[in-house]
Protein backbone atom coordinates (compact mmCIF):
# COMPACT_ATOMS: atom_id res chain seq x y z
CA MET A 1 -19.79 -4.79 -8.85
CA ALA A 2 -19.00 -1.11 -9.25
CA ALA A 3 -22.56 -0.48 -10.42
CA ALA A 4 -23.91 -2.38 -7.43
CA VAL A 5 -21.80 -0.29 -5.06
CA VAL A 6 -23.05 2.89 -6.70
CA ILE A 7 -26.67 1.74 -6.33
CA VAL A 8 -26.16 0.89 -2.66
CA VAL A 9 -24.49 4.25 -2.02
CA LEU A 10 -27.26 6.13 -3.83
CA ALA A 11 -29.96 4.18 -2.00
CA GLY A 12 -28.30 4.94 1.31
CA ALA A 13 -28.04 8.61 0.42
CA VAL A 14 -31.72 8.77 -0.54
CA LEU A 15 -32.78 6.95 2.61
CA GLY A 16 -30.60 9.17 4.75
CA GLY A 17 -31.94 12.26 3.02
CA ILE A 18 -35.55 11.26 3.65
CA GLY A 19 -34.69 10.49 7.25
CA TRP A 20 -32.95 13.84 7.63
CA TYR A 21 -35.95 15.68 6.19
CA PHE A 22 -38.52 13.88 8.36
CA ALA A 23 -36.40 14.42 11.46
CA GLY A 24 -36.11 18.08 10.52
CA VAL A 25 -39.89 18.41 10.36
CA ALA A 26 -40.16 17.05 13.90
CA ILE A 27 -37.66 19.50 15.38
CA GLU A 28 -38.51 22.56 13.29
CA VAL A 29 -39.58 25.68 15.16
CA ASP A 30 -42.54 27.15 13.27
CA HIS A 31 -45.03 29.67 14.64
CA SER A 32 -46.66 30.61 11.34
CA ALA A 33 -50.44 30.63 11.00
CA ASP A 34 -52.20 28.33 8.56
CA TYR A 35 -55.34 29.85 7.06
CA SER A 36 -56.35 27.03 4.73
CA LEU A 37 -60.15 27.43 4.66
CA THR A 38 -61.98 29.80 2.33
CA VAL A 39 -65.10 31.45 3.73
CA LEU A 40 -67.78 30.60 1.16
CA ASP A 41 -70.43 32.99 2.41
CA THR A 42 -71.58 35.12 5.34
CA ALA A 43 -75.22 36.07 5.89
CA ASN A 44 -77.75 36.58 8.69
CA GLY A 45 -75.34 35.79 11.52
CA THR A 46 -73.96 32.64 9.89
CA VAL A 47 -70.85 31.59 8.03
CA THR A 48 -70.60 28.97 5.27
CA LEU A 49 -67.43 26.88 5.17
CA PRO A 50 -66.17 23.87 3.23
CA ARG A 51 -67.30 20.71 5.00
CA ASP A 52 -64.59 18.73 6.76
CA GLU A 53 -64.04 17.15 10.18
CA ALA A 54 -63.10 20.48 11.75
CA THR A 55 -65.89 22.62 10.34
CA GLU A 56 -68.73 20.17 10.99
CA ARG A 57 -67.78 19.01 14.47
CA PRO A 58 -70.20 20.07 17.25
CA GLY A 59 -68.81 21.96 20.20
CA THR A 60 -67.17 25.28 21.06
CA TRP A 61 -64.82 26.72 18.45
CA ALA A 62 -63.54 29.95 16.98
CA LEU A 63 -63.00 30.94 13.38
CA ALA A 64 -59.77 32.88 12.99
CA TRP A 65 -58.47 34.84 10.03
CA LYS A 66 -55.74 37.42 9.62
CA ASP A 67 -56.60 40.30 11.96
CA GLY A 68 -59.92 38.76 12.97
CA ARG A 69 -61.71 36.18 15.10
CA ALA A 70 -65.29 35.01 15.63
CA LEU A 71 -66.85 32.57 18.07
CA LEU A 72 -68.79 29.84 16.29
CA GLY A 73 -72.14 28.44 17.32
CA PRO A 74 -73.88 25.23 16.24
CA VAL A 75 -74.27 23.88 12.73
CA THR A 76 -77.51 25.17 11.21
CA GLY A 77 -77.40 23.72 7.71
CA GLY A 78 -75.35 22.79 4.68
CA ASN A 79 -74.89 19.92 2.26
CA ASP A 80 -72.28 17.29 1.40
CA GLU A 81 -69.74 19.96 0.45
CA GLN A 82 -70.59 22.87 2.72
CA VAL A 83 -71.49 23.49 6.34
CA ILE A 84 -73.35 26.50 7.71
CA ARG A 85 -72.61 27.51 11.30
CA GLN A 86 -74.05 30.21 13.48
CA VAL A 87 -71.65 33.03 14.36
CA SER A 88 -72.10 33.68 18.08
CA SER A 89 -70.02 36.86 18.07
CA ILE A 90 -67.33 38.70 16.17
CA VAL A 91 -64.47 39.23 18.59
CA GLU A 92 -62.41 41.42 16.27
CA GLY A 93 -62.10 42.22 12.59
CA VAL A 94 -64.63 41.86 9.78
CA LEU A 95 -65.63 38.47 8.41
CA VAL A 96 -66.33 38.58 4.68
CA LYS A 97 -66.87 36.10 1.88
CA GLY A 98 -63.58 34.92 0.41
CA SER A 99 -61.56 35.38 3.59
CA LEU A 100 -58.90 32.76 4.30
CA ALA A 101 -59.52 31.34 7.75
CA THR A 102 -59.04 28.41 10.11
CA VAL A 103 -61.15 26.73 12.78
CA ASP A 104 -59.25 27.49 15.99
CA HIS A 105 -59.73 25.04 18.87
CA TRP A 106 -57.84 27.34 21.23
CA VAL A 107 -60.95 29.56 20.85
CA TYR A 108 -59.49 32.64 22.55
CA ASP A 109 -56.64 35.03 21.72
CA SER A 110 -54.84 38.07 23.11
CA ASP A 111 -54.37 37.92 26.91
CA PRO A 112 -56.39 36.64 29.90
CA LYS A 113 -57.96 40.03 30.63
CA ARG A 114 -59.13 40.77 27.10
CA ALA A 115 -60.06 37.19 26.27
CA LEU A 116 -61.68 36.07 29.52
CA GLY A 117 -61.94 39.11 31.77
CA LEU A 118 -59.40 37.63 34.21
CA ASP A 119 -56.89 39.87 35.92
CA PHE A 120 -53.32 38.72 35.38
CA GLN A 121 -49.70 39.77 35.63
CA ASP A 122 -47.00 39.55 32.99
CA VAL A 123 -44.08 37.96 34.84
CA MET A 124 -40.64 36.67 33.94
CA TYR A 125 -39.15 33.55 35.43
CA PRO A 126 -35.43 32.76 35.24
CA SER A 127 -34.40 29.67 33.31
CA GLN A 128 -31.34 27.94 31.94
CA ALA A 129 -31.98 29.52 28.53
CA GLY A 130 -32.69 33.02 29.88
CA PRO A 131 -35.64 35.01 31.26
CA MET A 132 -38.95 33.45 30.21
CA PRO A 133 -42.31 35.25 29.98
CA ALA A 134 -45.43 33.90 31.64
CA TRP A 135 -48.94 34.93 32.57
CA LEU A 136 -49.79 34.72 36.25
CA ILE A 137 -53.47 34.72 37.16
CA PRO A 138 -53.78 35.23 40.93
CA GLY A 139 -55.80 32.83 43.05
CA ALA A 140 -57.38 33.19 46.46
CA SER A 141 -53.90 33.19 48.00
CA PRO A 142 -50.36 32.84 46.63
CA LYS A 143 -49.65 30.47 49.52
CA SER A 144 -51.46 27.56 47.95
CA THR A 145 -51.13 25.02 45.17
CA TRP A 146 -50.38 26.65 41.81
CA VAL A 147 -51.35 25.29 38.41
CA ILE A 148 -48.58 25.57 35.80
CA GLY A 149 -49.85 25.42 32.23
CA VAL A 150 -47.44 23.97 29.66
CA HIS A 151 -48.51 24.29 26.04
CA GLY A 152 -47.55 21.97 23.19
CA ARG A 153 -44.97 21.96 20.42
CA ASN A 154 -44.92 25.15 18.31
CA ALA A 155 -47.94 26.46 20.22
CA ASP A 156 -48.02 29.30 22.76
CA LYS A 157 -49.62 30.35 26.02
CA ALA A 158 -52.98 30.89 24.29
CA GLU A 159 -53.43 27.11 24.23
CA THR A 160 -54.08 27.26 27.97
CA PHE A 161 -56.93 29.82 27.80
CA ARG A 162 -59.69 27.20 27.77
CA VAL A 163 -59.07 26.01 31.34
CA MET A 164 -58.29 29.33 33.00
CA ARG A 165 -61.83 30.03 34.20
CA ALA A 166 -62.15 26.62 35.84
CA VAL A 167 -58.77 26.93 37.56
CA HIS A 168 -59.62 30.46 38.70
CA ALA A 169 -63.00 29.29 40.03
CA ALA A 170 -61.11 26.70 42.10
CA GLY A 171 -59.26 29.58 43.78
CA LEU A 172 -55.84 28.47 42.56
CA PRO A 173 -53.16 30.68 41.01
CA MET A 174 -52.36 29.71 37.43
CA MET A 175 -49.03 30.34 35.76
CA SER A 176 -49.15 29.85 32.00
CA ILE A 177 -45.58 29.67 30.77
CA ALA A 178 -43.67 30.30 27.60
CA TYR A 179 -40.54 28.23 27.14
CA ARG A 180 -37.49 28.22 24.88
CA ASN A 181 -38.16 28.92 21.18
CA ASP A 182 -41.55 30.48 21.87
CA VAL A 183 -42.34 33.87 20.38
CA GLY A 184 -40.91 36.43 22.81
CA ALA A 185 -38.82 33.82 24.65
CA PRO A 186 -35.11 33.02 24.34
CA PRO A 187 -34.23 30.40 21.71
CA SER A 188 -32.55 27.09 22.39
CA SER A 189 -28.82 27.01 21.70
CA ASP A 190 -29.35 25.42 18.27
CA GLY A 191 -32.73 27.01 17.47
CA LYS A 192 -34.34 23.57 17.31
CA ASN A 193 -37.25 21.98 19.10
CA HIS A 194 -35.94 19.20 21.35
CA LEU A 195 -39.30 17.46 21.87
CA GLY A 196 -39.18 18.20 25.59
CA ASP A 197 -35.72 16.76 26.22
CA THR A 198 -34.32 20.17 27.19
CA GLU A 199 -37.55 22.16 27.44
CA TRP A 200 -38.63 20.31 30.61
CA ARG A 201 -35.96 22.29 32.45
CA ASP A 202 -38.01 25.42 31.84
CA VAL A 203 -40.95 23.75 33.59
CA LEU A 204 -38.66 23.00 36.52
CA SER A 205 -37.57 26.66 36.54
CA ALA A 206 -41.21 27.78 36.53
CA MET A 207 -41.80 25.55 39.56
CA GLY A 208 -38.91 27.32 41.27
CA TYR A 209 -40.52 30.67 40.55
CA ALA A 210 -43.83 29.45 41.95
CA ARG A 211 -42.17 28.17 45.11
CA ALA A 212 -40.30 31.45 45.60
CA HIS A 213 -43.57 33.36 45.34
CA GLY A 214 -45.56 31.34 47.85
CA ALA A 215 -46.57 28.09 46.17
CA THR A 216 -46.89 25.21 48.60
CA GLY A 217 -47.37 22.75 45.76
CA VAL A 218 -47.97 22.68 42.01
CA VAL A 219 -50.18 20.88 39.53
CA LEU A 220 -48.51 20.53 36.14
CA TYR A 221 -50.95 20.87 33.23
CA GLY A 222 -49.51 19.75 29.90
CA TRP A 223 -50.99 19.74 26.41
CA SER A 224 -49.42 17.46 23.77
CA MET A 225 -45.61 17.88 24.03
CA GLY A 226 -46.28 19.83 27.20
CA GLY A 227 -47.49 16.51 28.61
CA ALA A 228 -44.17 14.87 27.78
CA MET A 229 -42.39 17.78 29.47
CA SER A 230 -44.61 17.56 32.54
CA MET A 231 -44.04 13.82 32.96
CA ARG A 232 -40.29 14.23 32.56
CA THR A 233 -40.35 16.98 35.21
CA LEU A 234 -42.34 14.72 37.53
CA ARG A 235 -39.72 11.99 37.20
CA GLU A 236 -36.84 14.39 37.81
CA ASP A 237 -38.24 16.33 40.78
CA PRO A 238 -41.61 15.17 42.18
CA THR A 239 -41.33 16.83 45.60
CA LEU A 240 -43.54 19.88 44.93
CA ILE A 241 -45.91 18.25 42.45
CA ARG A 242 -49.36 17.43 43.85
CA GLY A 243 -50.88 16.28 40.56
CA VAL A 244 -50.47 16.21 36.79
CA ILE A 245 -53.12 16.92 34.15
CA LEU A 246 -52.45 15.67 30.63
CA ASP A 247 -54.44 16.68 27.55
CA SER A 248 -53.69 14.63 24.40
CA PRO A 249 -50.18 14.05 25.76
CA VAL A 250 -47.18 12.59 24.00
CA LEU A 251 -46.53 9.60 26.24
CA ASP A 252 -44.27 7.85 23.72
CA TRP A 253 -42.42 9.85 21.08
CA GLY A 254 -41.47 6.67 19.22
CA ALA A 255 -45.09 5.65 18.69
CA THR A 256 -46.12 9.19 17.79
CA LEU A 257 -43.36 9.50 15.19
CA ASP A 258 -44.44 6.14 13.76
CA LYS A 259 -47.97 7.52 13.49
CA GLN A 260 -46.71 10.63 11.73
CA GLY A 261 -44.62 8.51 9.38
CA ASP A 262 -47.64 6.40 8.50
CA ALA A 263 -49.63 9.56 7.78
CA ARG A 264 -46.94 10.54 5.27
CA ASN A 265 -46.94 7.03 3.74
CA LEU A 266 -43.35 6.38 4.80
CA PRO A 267 -42.29 2.73 5.01
CA GLY A 268 -41.54 1.65 8.57
CA PHE A 269 -37.82 1.24 7.94
CA VAL A 270 -37.61 4.82 6.64
CA THR A 271 -39.33 6.14 9.75
CA GLY A 272 -36.90 4.06 11.80
CA VAL A 273 -33.95 5.73 10.08
CA ALA A 274 -35.54 9.14 10.63
CA LYS A 275 -35.87 8.44 14.35
CA ARG A 276 -32.20 7.48 14.60
CA VAL A 277 -31.25 10.65 12.70
CA LEU A 278 -33.43 12.71 15.02
CA GLU A 279 -31.82 11.20 18.10
CA TRP A 280 -28.39 12.06 16.71
CA ARG A 281 -29.34 15.60 15.63
CA ILE A 282 -30.66 16.77 19.00
CA GLY A 283 -29.08 14.24 21.36
CA ILE A 284 -32.35 12.75 22.57
CA ASP A 285 -33.02 9.17 23.66
CA LEU A 286 -36.56 8.57 22.42
CA SER A 287 -37.00 5.54 24.66
CA ASP A 288 -36.64 7.84 27.66
CA PHE A 289 -39.93 9.45 26.61
CA ASP A 290 -41.88 6.21 26.64
CA GLN A 291 -43.80 6.94 29.83
CA ARG A 292 -45.32 3.45 29.87
CA ARG A 293 -42.01 2.24 31.30
CA TYR A 294 -42.50 4.38 34.40
CA ALA A 295 -46.26 3.97 34.90
CA PRO A 296 -46.04 1.12 37.48
CA LYS A 297 -44.02 3.41 39.77
CA LEU A 298 -46.40 6.38 39.49
CA ARG A 299 -47.15 7.89 42.90
CA THR A 300 -48.67 11.23 41.82
CA PRO A 301 -52.34 11.47 40.76
CA VAL A 302 -52.85 12.06 37.04
CA LEU A 303 -55.91 13.30 35.16
CA LEU A 304 -55.64 12.14 31.56
CA PHE A 305 -57.74 13.33 28.60
CA THR A 306 -57.49 11.59 25.24
CA ALA A 307 -59.36 12.43 22.04
CA ALA A 308 -60.65 9.61 19.85
CA ASP A 309 -59.80 11.26 16.52
CA ASP A 310 -56.31 12.42 17.48
CA ALA A 311 -54.36 12.47 14.21
CA THR A 312 -51.23 13.96 15.77
CA VAL A 313 -50.32 11.89 18.83
CA ASP A 314 -50.49 8.13 19.30
CA ASN A 315 -53.25 7.44 21.83
CA GLY A 316 -52.32 3.82 22.42
CA ALA A 317 -49.49 4.80 24.71
CA ALA A 318 -51.88 6.80 26.90
CA TYR A 319 -54.28 3.88 27.24
CA THR A 320 -51.43 1.53 28.16
CA PHE A 321 -50.01 4.08 30.60
CA ALA A 322 -53.35 4.39 32.38
CA LYS A 323 -53.71 0.62 32.67
CA ALA A 324 -50.13 0.06 33.82
CA ALA A 325 -50.28 2.67 36.60
CA PRO A 326 -51.20 1.60 40.14
CA PRO A 327 -54.98 1.44 40.71
CA GLY A 328 -56.54 4.83 41.31
CA MET A 329 -53.52 6.87 40.22
CA VAL A 330 -54.78 7.76 36.73
CA THR A 331 -58.24 9.11 35.98
CA HIS A 332 -58.58 8.54 32.24
CA ILE A 333 -61.32 10.38 30.34
CA ALA A 334 -61.68 9.42 26.69
CA THR A 335 -63.61 11.93 24.57
CA PRO A 336 -64.55 12.53 20.95
CA GLY A 337 -62.65 15.17 19.00
CA GLY A 338 -59.22 15.72 17.54
CA HIS A 339 -55.87 16.56 19.07
CA THR A 340 -56.26 18.61 22.31
CA GLU A 341 -59.96 19.11 21.56
CA SER A 342 -61.50 17.30 24.54
CA TRP A 343 -62.57 20.62 26.08
CA ASN A 344 -64.09 21.88 22.83
CA VAL A 345 -66.47 18.96 22.31
CA ASP A 346 -67.97 19.28 25.81
CA PRO A 347 -66.61 22.17 27.91
CA THR A 348 -68.96 21.51 30.83
CA ALA A 349 -68.01 17.85 31.25
CA TYR A 350 -64.33 18.67 30.85
CA GLU A 351 -64.40 21.44 33.45
CA ASN A 352 -66.39 19.32 35.89
CA ALA A 353 -63.71 16.62 35.71
CA LEU A 354 -60.97 19.23 36.02
CA SER A 355 -62.57 20.89 39.03
CA ALA A 356 -63.08 17.58 40.82
CA PHE A 357 -59.45 16.64 40.26
CA LEU A 358 -58.13 19.98 41.48
CA LYS A 359 -60.29 19.73 44.60
CA LYS A 360 -58.79 16.32 45.30
CA VAL A 361 -55.11 17.16 44.82
CA ALA A 362 -54.85 20.83 45.77
């Protein structure tokens, strides 16, 4: 009996340890860069890379390496192991054989002026956690509907670059915000990512800043976890919100964590323990982030982009959300590509849908 007790205790300790580790991965704040590709060759305006889903996918992409960035063109050749792509331009740095790099779906870097030629202001908006930095790109008039860009988990404002030209062409001001735990922003009280459960308050604070500076309405634009934050903000204070745009959003953290557990070959009961540990560690109720529960009561127009090959976020919740919402409230556009890559695979189609939505709600 003593041996049986020891085995049970050890098994519980192992299970709890795995759950603690997996929960820790979910709430870790990490802004490090991952340069996991080796440049195999560069010649005649092309670059040769190892073939994988990211390097062979058609569309608009950048290749980033330490202290450098290039815009990639179409695939021009290769074999089963390698892919050759045209290099449209070198933005900065020198691209050489042997460089460690990554395919960057954010495409652009730096700031709106240097990346896109758009005038902007560095502003600070007050929040519960302290002063938060943001980029403000002026529109035709500050007394109009503003677009507030909310990037995803462990990302930064650069994630919002891809839509800035379309928003600017619509004549609307765009405020791309940093929030707690971002580089250059105040940390959360425990230094942990709360999966949107506290971060949504920074979105609410950004809305307050917009209102104080002339905004007559806002459109929340959320990528990944930024989508979860935007939907939580909508539920808490919908009065100023004219529309919501969601790009590969987390519409159910439970399902997304299950997906991540499966990707790590964790048995379902282990992932279940990890979710309970996570709830305890940061005080979150994961069921509160299952947006499908609230879809039938949706009264604010939503433009929803999902990517077919999303390996990060569970897409099923988004499909169910769109179907459960009242007719006409959700415009769902399903695209090829990976997580938050709907723009990259077809920028023109994406921006046309975005512009039409903004015209309707703004």
